[in-house]
């Protein structure tokens, strides 16, 4: 079959997307597909129409790739593509919406609030920061509502830092999310398959060299973090994987996604879902697949199975 691998784009995660795309293209060729790569830009529709692919493997990260934009276009063009559909993609990239769905479906997620830049600039939202600080027990995470790879994320440990963290996050998005800081272990659960039959892979732990949260550098720069099998007790492992599967299903994901979780004691808290997780050599998803007995090519085969038929 002819596969078009879409990578790059204009998001802040462009360089990582290029690495993911190259990895995916190599594996698809090993699986016997004819592969063309496209650096997604203004000519995206023209290229897709010219190439006439049997399917598009989406390796885009962040805005433009994980927010439903490319997915909408491919649905209009009636070209099959890997990953979640436009609705689930948009839902997961918007942390405000995703966490609302988690609450409705009973999926544990840290207590949170969010507001827009307009609320801060025009309606005095800054006056609520004292009350928010008290609700979060003196430690909070502030992040843009619609960015990936922890761009704009701050861990705030003093009230005096809160306003600056909010303004910093607003430089990445016009909606900011604030949530209770959850102490504990940083876990990632890659899930494969349909939303009604999710298949969580082994739980992976990210151990940061010097940071409390999984920053962009910790995501993708060698030496910034160690990614390893979590090695949880059986009951906790089963619970974490079940919660990840519930989140995946609640969001309507398909093919694959990575559920990011903080483990506080034995209690998992779902932070977010990455509907197109990184496929780079330092990422949690390839490691989880390896511990599930899958080669990288077999992982790509599983991800693309629905569109290949």
C-alpha atoms as a PDB file:
ATOM      1  CA  UNK A   1       0.000   0.000   0.000  1.00  0.00           C
ATOM      2  CA  UNK A   2       1.026   3.620  -0.468  1.00  0.00           C
ATOM      3  CA  UNK A   3       1.540   5.495   2.790  1.00  0.00           C
ATOM      4  CA  UNK A   4       1.998   9.220   3.195  1.00  0.00           C
ATOM      5  CA  UNK A   5       3.776  10.119   6.447  1.00  0.00           C
ATOM      6  CA  UNK A   6       2.781  13.597   7.634  1.00  0.00           C
ATOM      7  CA  UNK A   7       5.275  15.311   9.930  1.00  0.00           C
ATOM      8  CA  UNK A   8       6.648  18.745  10.833  1.00  0.00           C
ATOM      9  CA  UNK A   9       3.973  21.402  10.626  1.00  0.00           C
ATOM     10  CA  UNK A  10       4.154  24.724  12.412  1.00  0.00           C
ATOM     11  CA  UNK A  11       3.784  23.706  16.043  1.00  0.00           C
ATOM     12  CA  UNK A  12       6.469  24.146  18.689  1.00  0.00           C
ATOM     13  CA  UNK A  13       7.092  20.398  18.451  1.00  0.00           C
ATOM     14  CA  UNK A  14       8.093  20.505  14.798  1.00  0.00           C
ATOM     15  CA  UNK A  15      11.602  19.064  15.205  1.00  0.00           C
ATOM     16  CA  UNK A  16      10.411  16.176  17.349  1.00  0.00           C
ATOM     17  CA  UNK A  17       7.660  15.472  14.829  1.00  0.00           C
ATOM     18  CA  UNK A  18      10.281  15.201  12.080  1.00  0.00           C
ATOM     19  CA  UNK A  19      12.138  12.562  14.097  1.00  0.00           C
ATOM     20  CA  UNK A  20       8.924  10.647  14.755  1.00  0.00           C
ATOM     21  CA  UNK A  21       8.028  10.813  11.074  1.00  0.00           C
ATOM     22  CA  UNK A  22      11.389   9.469   9.955  1.00  0.00           C
ATOM     23  CA  UNK A  23      11.141   6.586  12.415  1.00  0.00           C
ATOM     24  CA  UNK A  24       7.611   5.740  11.287  1.00  0.00           C
ATOM     25  CA  UNK A  25       8.547   5.943   7.594  1.00  0.00           C
ATOM     26  CA  UNK A  26      11.448   3.539   8.085  1.00  0.00           C
ATOM     27  CA  UNK A  27       9.189   1.024   9.838  1.00  0.00           C
ATOM     28  CA  UNK A  28       6.449   1.314   7.219  1.00  0.00           C
ATOM     29  CA  UNK A  29       8.996   0.549   4.497  1.00  0.00           C
ATOM     30  CA  UNK A  30      10.115  -2.502   6.475  1.00  0.00           C
ATOM     31  CA  UNK A  31       6.466  -3.586   6.474  1.00  0.00           C
ATOM     32  CA  UNK A  32       6.398  -3.426   2.689  1.00  0.00           C
ATOM     33  CA  UNK A  33       4.615  -0.120   2.109  1.00  0.00           C
ATOM     34  CA  UNK A  34       5.624   2.474  -0.464  1.00  0.00           C
ATOM     35  CA  UNK A  35       6.264   5.574   1.628  1.00  0.00           C
ATOM     36  CA  UNK A  36       6.337   9.286   0.882  1.00  0.00           C
ATOM     37  CA  UNK A  37       7.034  11.887   3.558  1.00  0.00           C
ATOM     38  CA  UNK A  38       5.381  15.291   3.646  1.00  0.00           C
ATOM     39  CA  UNK A  39       6.451  18.246   5.756  1.00  0.00           C
ATOM     40  CA  UNK A  40       2.984  19.624   6.409  1.00  0.00           C
ATOM     41  CA  UNK A  41       2.380  23.191   5.288  1.00  0.00           C
ATOM     42  CA  UNK A  42       0.079  25.312   3.160  1.00  0.00           C
ATOM     43  CA  UNK A  43       0.265  22.818   0.287  1.00  0.00           C
ATOM     44  CA  UNK A  44      -0.928  19.880   2.410  1.00  0.00           C
ATOM     45  CA  UNK A  45      -4.210  19.326   0.563  1.00  0.00           C
ATOM     46  CA  UNK A  46      -2.494  19.654  -2.829  1.00  0.00           C
ATOM     47  CA  UNK A  47       0.140  17.083  -1.871  1.00  0.00           C
ATOM     48  CA  UNK A  48      -2.426  14.605  -0.558  1.00  0.00           C
ATOM     49  CA  UNK A  49      -4.517  14.927  -3.708  1.00  0.00           C
ATOM     50  CA  UNK A  50      -1.469  14.498  -5.928  1.00  0.00           C
ATOM     51  CA  UNK A  51      -0.022  11.564  -3.991  1.00  0.00           C
ATOM     52  CA  UNK A  52      -3.323   9.654  -3.764  1.00  0.00           C
ATOM     53  CA  UNK A  53      -2.153   7.603  -0.764  1.00  0.00           C
ATOM     54  CA  UNK A  54      -3.996   4.579   0.552  1.00  0.00           C
ATOM     55  CA  UNK A  55      -3.575   6.090   4.012  1.00  0.00           C
ATOM     56  CA  UNK A  56      -1.799   8.863   5.881  1.00  0.00           C
ATOM     57  CA  UNK A  57       0.333   8.063   8.913  1.00  0.00           C
ATOM     58  CA  UNK A  58       0.116  11.191  11.070  1.00  0.00           C
ATOM     59  CA  UNK A  59       3.318  11.911  13.008  1.00  0.00           C
ATOM     60  CA  UNK A  60       2.472  15.523  13.839  1.00  0.00           C
ATOM     61  CA  UNK A  61       2.602  16.729  17.441  1.00  0.00           C
ATOM     62  CA  UNK A  62       0.801  19.595  19.139  1.00  0.00           C
ATOM     63  CA  UNK A  63      -1.304  22.286  17.497  1.00  0.00           C
ATOM     64  CA  UNK A  64      -2.236  21.486  13.898  1.00  0.00           C
ATOM     65  CA  UNK A  65      -1.560  17.777  14.248  1.00  0.00           C
ATOM     66  CA  UNK A  66      -3.184  16.749  17.511  1.00  0.00           C
ATOM     67  CA  UNK A  67      -6.031  19.270  17.584  1.00  0.00           C
ATOM     68  CA  UNK A  68      -8.148  17.800  14.782  1.00  0.00           C
ATOM     69  CA  UNK A  69      -7.058  20.213  12.035  1.00  0.00           C
ATOM     70  CA  UNK A  70      -5.318  17.706   9.756  1.00  0.00           C
ATOM     71  CA  UNK A  71      -7.815  15.016  10.700  1.00  0.00           C
ATOM     72  CA  UNK A  72     -10.728  17.203   9.558  1.00  0.00           C
ATOM     73  CA  UNK A  73      -9.048  17.827   6.199  1.00  0.00           C
ATOM     74  CA  UNK A  74      -8.360  14.142   5.612  1.00  0.00           C
ATOM     75  CA  UNK A  75     -11.955  13.272   6.444  1.00  0.00           C
ATOM     76  CA  UNK A  76     -13.146  15.800   3.864  1.00  0.00           C
ATOM     77  CA  UNK A  77     -10.750  14.251   1.333  1.00  0.00           C
ATOM     78  CA  UNK A  78     -11.933  10.766   2.381  1.00  0.00           C
ATOM     79  CA  UNK A  79      -8.382   9.572   2.976  1.00  0.00           C
ATOM     80  CA  UNK A  80      -7.909   7.074   5.841  1.00  0.00           C
ATOM     81  CA  UNK A  81      -5.432   8.143   8.520  1.00  0.00           C
ATOM     82  CA  UNK A  82      -3.882   6.736  11.667  1.00  0.00           C
ATOM     83  CA  UNK A  83      -4.743   7.901  15.143  1.00  0.00           C
ATOM     84  CA  UNK A  84      -7.777   9.398  16.805  1.00  0.00           C
ATOM     85  CA  UNK A  85     -10.458  11.186  14.829  1.00  0.00           C
ATOM     86  CA  UNK A  86     -10.865  14.958  14.724  1.00  0.00           C
ATOM     87  CA  UNK A  87     -13.213  15.126  17.713  1.00  0.00           C
ATOM     88  CA  UNK A  88     -11.103  13.001  20.063  1.00  0.00           C
ATOM     89  CA  UNK A  89      -7.938  14.787  18.935  1.00  0.00           C
ATOM     90  CA  UNK A  90      -9.369  18.220  19.698  1.00  0.00           C
ATOM     91  CA  UNK A  91     -10.783  17.029  23.013  1.00  0.00           C
ATOM     92  CA  UNK A  92      -7.480  15.622  24.238  1.00  0.00           C
ATOM     93  CA  UNK A  93      -5.301  18.556  23.202  1.00  0.00           C
ATOM     94  CA  UNK A  94      -7.593  20.944  25.098  1.00  0.00           C
ATOM     95  CA  UNK A  95      -6.849  20.065  28.715  1.00  0.00           C
ATOM     96  CA  UNK A  96      -9.870  22.058  29.952  1.00  0.00           C
ATOM     97  CA  UNK A  97     -12.226  19.918  27.860  1.00  0.00           C
ATOM     98  CA  UNK A  98     -10.382  16.672  28.519  1.00  0.00           C
ATOM     99  CA  UNK A  99     -10.409  17.122  32.286  1.00  0.00           C
ATOM    100  CA  UNK A 100     -14.115  17.995  32.128  1.00  0.00           C
ATOM    101  CA  UNK A 101     -14.750  14.677  30.363  1.00  0.00           C
ATOM    102  CA  UNK A 102     -12.641  12.859  32.967  1.00  0.00           C
ATOM    103  CA  UNK A 103     -14.764  14.304  35.753  1.00  0.00           C
ATOM    104  CA  UNK A 104     -17.989  13.339  33.968  1.00  0.00           C
ATOM    105  CA  UNK A 105     -16.759   9.767  33.443  1.00  0.00           C
ATOM    106  CA  UNK A 106     -15.285   9.333  36.921  1.00  0.00           C
ATOM    107  CA  UNK A 107     -11.662   9.207  35.760  1.00  0.00           C
ATOM    108  CA  UNK A 108      -9.438  10.609  38.547  1.00  0.00           C
ATOM    109  CA  UNK A 109      -7.728  13.860  37.565  1.00  0.00           C
ATOM    110  CA  UNK A 110      -6.168  16.492  39.865  1.00  0.00           C
ATOM    111  CA  UNK A 111      -8.465  19.332  41.047  1.00  0.00           C
ATOM    112  CA  UNK A 112      -8.245  22.210  38.591  1.00  0.00           C
ATOM    113  CA  UNK A 113      -9.567  25.504  37.284  1.00  0.00           C
ATOM    114  CA  UNK A 114      -8.970  27.367  34.045  1.00  0.00           C
ATOM    115  CA  UNK A 115      -9.630  30.789  32.598  1.00  0.00           C
ATOM    116  CA  UNK A 116      -9.007  32.699  29.419  1.00  0.00           C
ATOM    117  CA  UNK A 117      -6.710  35.586  28.677  1.00  0.00           C
ATOM    118  CA  UNK A 118      -9.811  37.755  28.300  1.00  0.00           C
ATOM    119  CA  UNK A 119     -10.997  36.832  31.795  1.00  0.00           C
ATOM    120  CA  UNK A 120      -7.595  37.824  33.158  1.00  0.00           C
ATOM    121  CA  UNK A 121      -7.348  41.064  31.162  1.00  0.00           C
ATOM    122  CA  UNK A 122     -10.950  42.298  31.193  1.00  0.00           C
ATOM    123  CA  UNK A 123     -12.793  40.688  34.106  1.00  0.00           C
ATOM    124  CA  UNK A 124     -10.359  40.718  37.010  1.00  0.00           C
ATOM    125  CA  UNK A 125      -9.547  36.995  37.070  1.00  0.00           C
ATOM    126  CA  UNK A 126      -6.254  37.863  38.736  1.00  0.00           C
ATOM    127  CA  UNK A 127      -8.232  38.647  41.893  1.00  0.00           C
ATOM    128  CA  UNK A 128      -9.122  34.952  42.179  1.00  0.00           C
ATOM    129  CA  UNK A 129      -5.530  33.757  42.483  1.00  0.00           C
ATOM    130  CA  UNK A 130      -5.484  33.964  46.296  1.00  0.00           C
ATOM    131  CA  UNK A 131      -8.531  31.701  46.521  1.00  0.00           C
ATOM    132  CA  UNK A 132      -7.084  29.308  43.950  1.00  0.00           C
ATOM    133  CA  UNK A 133      -3.803  29.107  45.823  1.00  0.00           C
ATOM    134  CA  UNK A 134      -5.605  28.070  48.998  1.00  0.00           C
ATOM    135  CA  UNK A 135      -7.531  25.370  47.126  1.00  0.00           C
ATOM    136  CA  UNK A 136      -4.310  23.873  45.791  1.00  0.00           C
ATOM    137  CA  UNK A 137      -2.675  23.488  49.218  1.00  0.00           C
ATOM    138  CA  UNK A 138       0.258  25.784  48.490  1.00  0.00           C
ATOM    139  CA  UNK A 139       1.560  24.078  45.365  1.00  0.00           C
ATOM    140  CA  UNK A 140       0.178  24.261  41.845  1.00  0.00           C
ATOM    141  CA  UNK A 141       0.916  23.401  38.239  1.00  0.00           C
ATOM    142  CA  UNK A 142       0.203  26.116  35.683  1.00  0.00           C
ATOM    143  CA  UNK A 143       0.143  25.318  31.967  1.00  0.00           C
ATOM    144  CA  UNK A 144      -1.372  26.398  28.660  1.00  0.00           C
ATOM    145  CA  UNK A 145      -4.621  24.565  27.991  1.00  0.00           C
ATOM    146  CA  UNK A 146      -3.630  23.607  24.442  1.00  0.00           C
ATOM    147  CA  UNK A 147       0.046  22.762  24.089  1.00  0.00           C
ATOM    148  CA  UNK A 148       2.058  19.553  24.149  1.00  0.00           C
ATOM    149  CA  UNK A 149       5.468  18.477  25.507  1.00  0.00           C
ATOM    150  CA  UNK A 150       4.930  20.627  28.633  1.00  0.00           C
ATOM    151  CA  UNK A 151       5.583  23.907  26.798  1.00  0.00           C
ATOM    152  CA  UNK A 152       4.790  26.810  29.138  1.00  0.00           C
ATOM    153  CA  UNK A 153       4.369  24.555  32.182  1.00  0.00           C
ATOM    154  CA  UNK A 154       5.425  25.820  35.621  1.00  0.00           C
ATOM    155  CA  UNK A 155       5.415  24.188  39.042  1.00  0.00           C
ATOM    156  CA  UNK A 156       4.574  27.008  41.453  1.00  0.00           C
ATOM    157  CA  UNK A 157       5.620  26.654  45.086  1.00  0.00           C
ATOM    158  CA  UNK A 158       5.016  30.196  46.353  1.00  0.00           C
ATOM    159  CA  UNK A 159       1.980  32.438  45.973  1.00  0.00           C
ATOM    160  CA  UNK A 160       4.187  35.266  44.703  1.00  0.00           C
ATOM    161  CA  UNK A 161       5.133  33.155  41.663  1.00  0.00           C
ATOM    162  CA  UNK A 162       1.577  32.379  40.595  1.00  0.00           C
ATOM    163  CA  UNK A 163       0.794  35.521  38.601  1.00  0.00           C
ATOM    164  CA  UNK A 164       4.018  35.309  36.618  1.00  0.00           C
ATOM    165  CA  UNK A 165       3.413  31.635  35.856  1.00  0.00           C
ATOM    166  CA  UNK A 166      -0.073  32.439  34.547  1.00  0.00           C
ATOM    167  CA  UNK A 167       1.260  35.201  32.312  1.00  0.00           C
ATOM    168  CA  UNK A 168       4.009  32.899  31.063  1.00  0.00           C
ATOM    169  CA  UNK A 169       1.496  30.199  30.140  1.00  0.00           C
ATOM    170  CA  UNK A 170      -0.624  32.798  28.351  1.00  0.00           C
ATOM    171  CA  UNK A 171       2.239  33.450  25.955  1.00  0.00           C
ATOM    172  CA  UNK A 172       1.537  29.955  24.572  1.00  0.00           C
ATOM    173  CA  UNK A 173      -2.268  29.929  24.591  1.00  0.00           C
ATOM    174  CA  UNK A 174      -5.210  32.180  25.409  1.00  0.00           C
ATOM    175  CA  UNK A 175      -6.550  29.704  27.974  1.00  0.00           C
ATOM    176  CA  UNK A 176      -4.565  28.690  31.050  1.00  0.00           C
ATOM    177  CA  UNK A 177      -5.143  25.705  33.290  1.00  0.00           C
ATOM    178  CA  UNK A 178      -4.164  25.546  36.956  1.00  0.00           C
ATOM    179  CA  UNK A 179      -4.255  22.276  38.873  1.00  0.00           C
ATOM    180  CA  UNK A 180      -3.137  20.838  42.187  1.00  0.00           C
ATOM    181  CA  UNK A 181       0.455  19.654  42.124  1.00  0.00           C
ATOM    182  CA  UNK A 182       0.482  15.904  42.618  1.00  0.00           C
ATOM    183  CA  UNK A 183       3.644  14.612  44.305  1.00  0.00           C
ATOM    184  CA  UNK A 184       4.755  11.160  43.297  1.00  0.00           C
ATOM    185  CA  UNK A 185       5.926   9.133  40.340  1.00  0.00           C
ATOM    186  CA  UNK A 186       5.578  10.202  36.701  1.00  0.00           C
ATOM    187  CA  UNK A 187       4.031   7.376  34.683  1.00  0.00           C
ATOM    188  CA  UNK A 188       3.117   6.922  31.042  1.00  0.00           C
ATOM    189  CA  UNK A 189       0.765   4.272  29.705  1.00  0.00           C
ATOM    190  CA  UNK A 190       0.596   3.753  25.957  1.00  0.00           C
ATOM    191  CA  UNK A 191      -2.754   2.316  24.901  1.00  0.00           C
ATOM    192  CA  UNK A 192      -3.481   0.604  21.580  1.00  0.00           C
ATOM    193  CA  UNK A 193      -6.680  -0.393  19.815  1.00  0.00           C
ATOM    194  CA  UNK A 194     -10.277   0.785  19.681  1.00  0.00           C
ATOM    195  CA  UNK A 195     -11.879   3.026  22.282  1.00  0.00           C
ATOM    196  CA  UNK A 196     -14.284   0.212  23.203  1.00  0.00           C
ATOM    197  CA  UNK A 197     -11.478  -2.362  23.494  1.00  0.00           C
ATOM    198  CA  UNK A 198      -8.387  -0.544  24.774  1.00  0.00           C
ATOM    199  CA  UNK A 199      -5.131  -2.473  25.213  1.00  0.00           C
ATOM    200  CA  UNK A 200      -2.774  -0.792  27.690  1.00  0.00           C
ATOM    201  CA  UNK A 201       0.901  -1.647  27.275  1.00  0.00           C
ATOM    202  CA  UNK A 202       3.285  -2.038  30.243  1.00  0.00           C
ATOM    203  CA  UNK A 203       3.505   0.987  32.521  1.00  0.00           C
ATOM    204  CA  UNK A 204       6.594   3.122  31.972  1.00  0.00           C
ATOM    205  CA  UNK A 205       8.104   5.524  34.510  1.00  0.00           C
ATOM    206  CA  UNK A 206       9.904   8.753  33.650  1.00  0.00           C
ATOM    207  CA  UNK A 207      12.554   9.699  36.199  1.00  0.00           C
ATOM    208  CA  UNK A 208      13.686  13.298  35.744  1.00  0.00           C
ATOM    209  CA  UNK A 209      17.317  14.194  36.268  1.00  0.00           C
ATOM    210  CA  UNK A 210      16.600  17.594  37.782  1.00  0.00           C
ATOM    211  CA  UNK A 211      12.968  18.579  37.236  1.00  0.00           C
ATOM    212  CA  UNK A 212       9.691  17.836  38.957  1.00  0.00           C
ATOM    213  CA  UNK A 213       7.589  17.582  35.817  1.00  0.00           C
ATOM    214  CA  UNK A 214       8.129  16.108  32.371  1.00  0.00           C
ATOM    215  CA  UNK A 215       9.400  19.164  30.459  1.00  0.00           C
ATOM    216  CA  UNK A 216      10.181  19.386  26.741  1.00  0.00           C
ATOM    217  CA  UNK A 217      13.860  18.776  27.490  1.00  0.00           C
ATOM    218  CA  UNK A 218      13.003  15.778  29.646  1.00  0.00           C
ATOM    219  CA  UNK A 219      10.771  14.454  26.860  1.00  0.00           C
ATOM    220  CA  UNK A 220      13.345  14.511  24.096  1.00  0.00           C
ATOM    221  CA  UNK A 221      16.908  15.343  25.177  1.00  0.00           C
ATOM    222  CA  UNK A 222      19.136  12.421  26.060  1.00  0.00           C
ATOM    223  CA  UNK A 223      20.315  12.608  29.663  1.00  0.00           C
ATOM    224  CA  UNK A 224      17.449  14.817  30.869  1.00  0.00           C
ATOM    225  CA  UNK A 225      15.364  11.865  32.021  1.00  0.00           C
ATOM    226  CA  UNK A 226      15.466   8.113  32.375  1.00  0.00           C
ATOM    227  CA  UNK A 227      12.597   6.134  30.877  1.00  0.00           C
ATOM    228  CA  UNK A 228      12.193   2.687  32.385  1.00  0.00           C
ATOM    229  CA  UNK A 229       9.657   0.008  33.183  1.00  0.00           C
ATOM    230  CA  UNK A 230       7.758   1.175  36.268  1.00  0.00           C
ATOM    231  CA  UNK A 231       7.929  -2.174  38.069  1.00  0.00           C
ATOM    232  CA  UNK A 232       4.813  -1.503  40.153  1.00  0.00           C
ATOM    233  CA  UNK A 233       3.262  -4.067  42.499  1.00  0.00           C
ATOM    234  CA  UNK A 234       0.787  -6.218  40.573  1.00  0.00           C
ATOM    235  CA  UNK A 235      -2.359  -4.702  42.075  1.00  0.00           C
ATOM    236  CA  UNK A 236      -1.163  -1.118  41.566  1.00  0.00           C
ATOM    237  CA  UNK A 237       0.010  -1.906  38.037  1.00  0.00           C
ATOM    238  CA  UNK A 238      -3.390  -3.351  37.141  1.00  0.00           C
ATOM    239  CA  UNK A 239      -5.150  -0.323  38.638  1.00  0.00           C
ATOM    240  CA  UNK A 240      -2.959   2.161  36.756  1.00  0.00           C
ATOM    241  CA  UNK A 241      -3.483   0.370  33.458  1.00  0.00           C
ATOM    242  CA  UNK A 242      -7.236   0.173  34.053  1.00  0.00           C
ATOM    243  CA  UNK A 243      -7.419   3.917  34.745  1.00  0.00           C
ATOM    244  CA  UNK A 244      -5.399   4.624  31.591  1.00  0.00           C
ATOM    245  CA  UNK A 245      -7.772   2.451  29.570  1.00  0.00           C
ATOM    246  CA  UNK A 246     -10.776   4.268  31.065  1.00  0.00           C
ATOM    247  CA  UNK A 247      -9.318   7.651  30.116  1.00  0.00           C
ATOM    248  CA  UNK A 248      -8.568   6.432  26.576  1.00  0.00           C
ATOM    249  CA  UNK A 249     -12.133   5.170  26.183  1.00  0.00           C
ATOM    250  CA  UNK A 250     -13.697   8.270  27.732  1.00  0.00           C
ATOM    251  CA  UNK A 251     -11.890  10.488  25.232  1.00  0.00           C
ATOM    252  CA  UNK A 252     -12.842   8.285  22.277  1.00  0.00           C
ATOM    253  CA  UNK A 253      -9.252   7.565  21.249  1.00  0.00           C
ATOM    254  CA  UNK A 254      -8.298   4.943  18.692  1.00  0.00           C
ATOM    255  CA  UNK A 255      -5.184   3.215  17.268  1.00  0.00           C
ATOM    256  CA  UNK A 256      -2.796   4.547  19.924  1.00  0.00           C
ATOM    257  CA  UNK A 257      -2.281   7.260  22.502  1.00  0.00           C
ATOM    258  CA  UNK A 258      -0.208   7.857  25.619  1.00  0.00           C
ATOM    259  CA  UNK A 259      -1.920   8.543  28.931  1.00  0.00           C
ATOM    260  CA  UNK A 260       0.230  10.587  31.328  1.00  0.00           C
ATOM    261  CA  UNK A 261      -0.356   9.803  34.996  1.00  0.00           C
ATOM    262  CA  UNK A 262       0.982  10.863  38.381  1.00  0.00           C
ATOM    263  CA  UNK A 263       1.029   8.134  41.013  1.00  0.00           C
ATOM    264  CA  UNK A 264       0.484   9.549  44.517  1.00  0.00           C
ATOM    265  CA  UNK A 265       1.077   6.654  46.868  1.00  0.00           C
ATOM    266  CA  UNK A 266      -0.987   3.961  45.182  1.00  0.00           C
ATOM    267  CA  UNK A 267      -3.481   6.392  43.635  1.00  0.00           C
ATOM    268  CA  UNK A 268      -3.185   7.292  39.940  1.00  0.00           C
ATOM    269  CA  UNK A 269      -4.194  10.761  38.720  1.00  0.00           C
ATOM    270  CA  UNK A 270      -4.636  11.251  34.978  1.00  0.00           C
ATOM    271  CA  UNK A 271      -2.964  14.447  33.765  1.00  0.00           C
ATOM    272  CA  UNK A 272      -3.541  14.344  30.009  1.00  0.00           C
ATOM    273  CA  UNK A 273      -3.593  12.214  26.865  1.00  0.00           C
ATOM    274  CA  UNK A 274      -1.202  12.602  23.958  1.00  0.00           C
ATOM    275  CA  UNK A 275      -3.095  11.284  20.929  1.00  0.00           C
ATOM    276  CA  UNK A 276       0.081  11.203  18.802  1.00  0.00           C
ATOM    277  CA  UNK A 277       2.873  10.433  21.265  1.00  0.00           C
ATOM    278  CA  UNK A 278       6.472  10.802  20.220  1.00  0.00           C
ATOM    279  CA  UNK A 279       8.021   7.852  18.413  1.00  0.00           C
ATOM    280  CA  UNK A 280      11.607   8.919  19.043  1.00  0.00           C
ATOM    281  CA  UNK A 281      14.222   6.609  20.499  1.00  0.00           C
ATOM    282  CA  UNK A 282      14.071   8.320  23.914  1.00  0.00           C
ATOM    283  CA  UNK A 283      10.278   8.183  24.279  1.00  0.00           C
ATOM    284  CA  UNK A 284       8.062   6.057  26.545  1.00  0.00           C
ATOM    285  CA  UNK A 285       5.934   4.564  23.747  1.00  0.00           C
ATOM    286  CA  UNK A 286       8.685   2.576  21.954  1.00  0.00           C
ATOM    287  CA  UNK A 287       9.947   1.340  25.339  1.00  0.00           C
ATOM    288  CA  UNK A 288       6.460   0.217  26.394  1.00  0.00           C
ATOM    289  CA  UNK A 289       6.084  -1.637  23.104  1.00  0.00           C
ATOM    290  CA  UNK A 290       9.453  -3.332  23.613  1.00  0.00           C
ATOM    291  CA  UNK A 291       8.402  -4.565  27.058  1.00  0.00           C
ATOM    292  CA  UNK A 292       5.166  -5.841  25.502  1.00  0.00           C
ATOM    293  CA  UNK A 293       7.262  -7.958  23.136  1.00  0.00           C
ATOM    294  CA  UNK A 294       6.762  -5.740  20.086  1.00  0.00           C
ATOM    295  CA  UNK A 295       9.515  -4.532  17.797  1.00  0.00           C
ATOM    296  CA  UNK A 296       9.219  -0.937  16.616  1.00  0.00           C
ATOM    297  CA  UNK A 297       8.005  -2.141  13.211  1.00  0.00           C
ATOM    298  CA  UNK A 298       5.365  -4.285  14.916  1.00  0.00           C
ATOM    299  CA  UNK A 299       4.250  -1.258  16.939  1.00  0.00           C
ATOM    300  CA  UNK A 300       3.805   0.746  13.729  1.00  0.00           C
ATOM    301  CA  UNK A 301       1.957  -2.220  12.227  1.00  0.00           C
ATOM    302  CA  UNK A 302      -0.453  -2.239  15.184  1.00  0.00           C
ATOM    303  CA  UNK A 303      -0.998   1.516  14.949  1.00  0.00           C
ATOM    304  CA  UNK A 304      -1.781   1.330  11.236  1.00  0.00           C
ATOM    305  CA  UNK A 305      -3.751  -1.954  11.313  1.00  0.00           C
ATOM    306  CA  UNK A 306      -7.188  -0.276  11.185  1.00  0.00           C
ATOM    307  CA  UNK A 307      -6.404   1.766   8.058  1.00  0.00           C
ATOM    308  CA  UNK A 308      -4.444  -1.001   6.326  1.00  0.00           C
ATOM    309  CA  UNK A 309      -7.348  -3.414   6.789  1.00  0.00           C
END
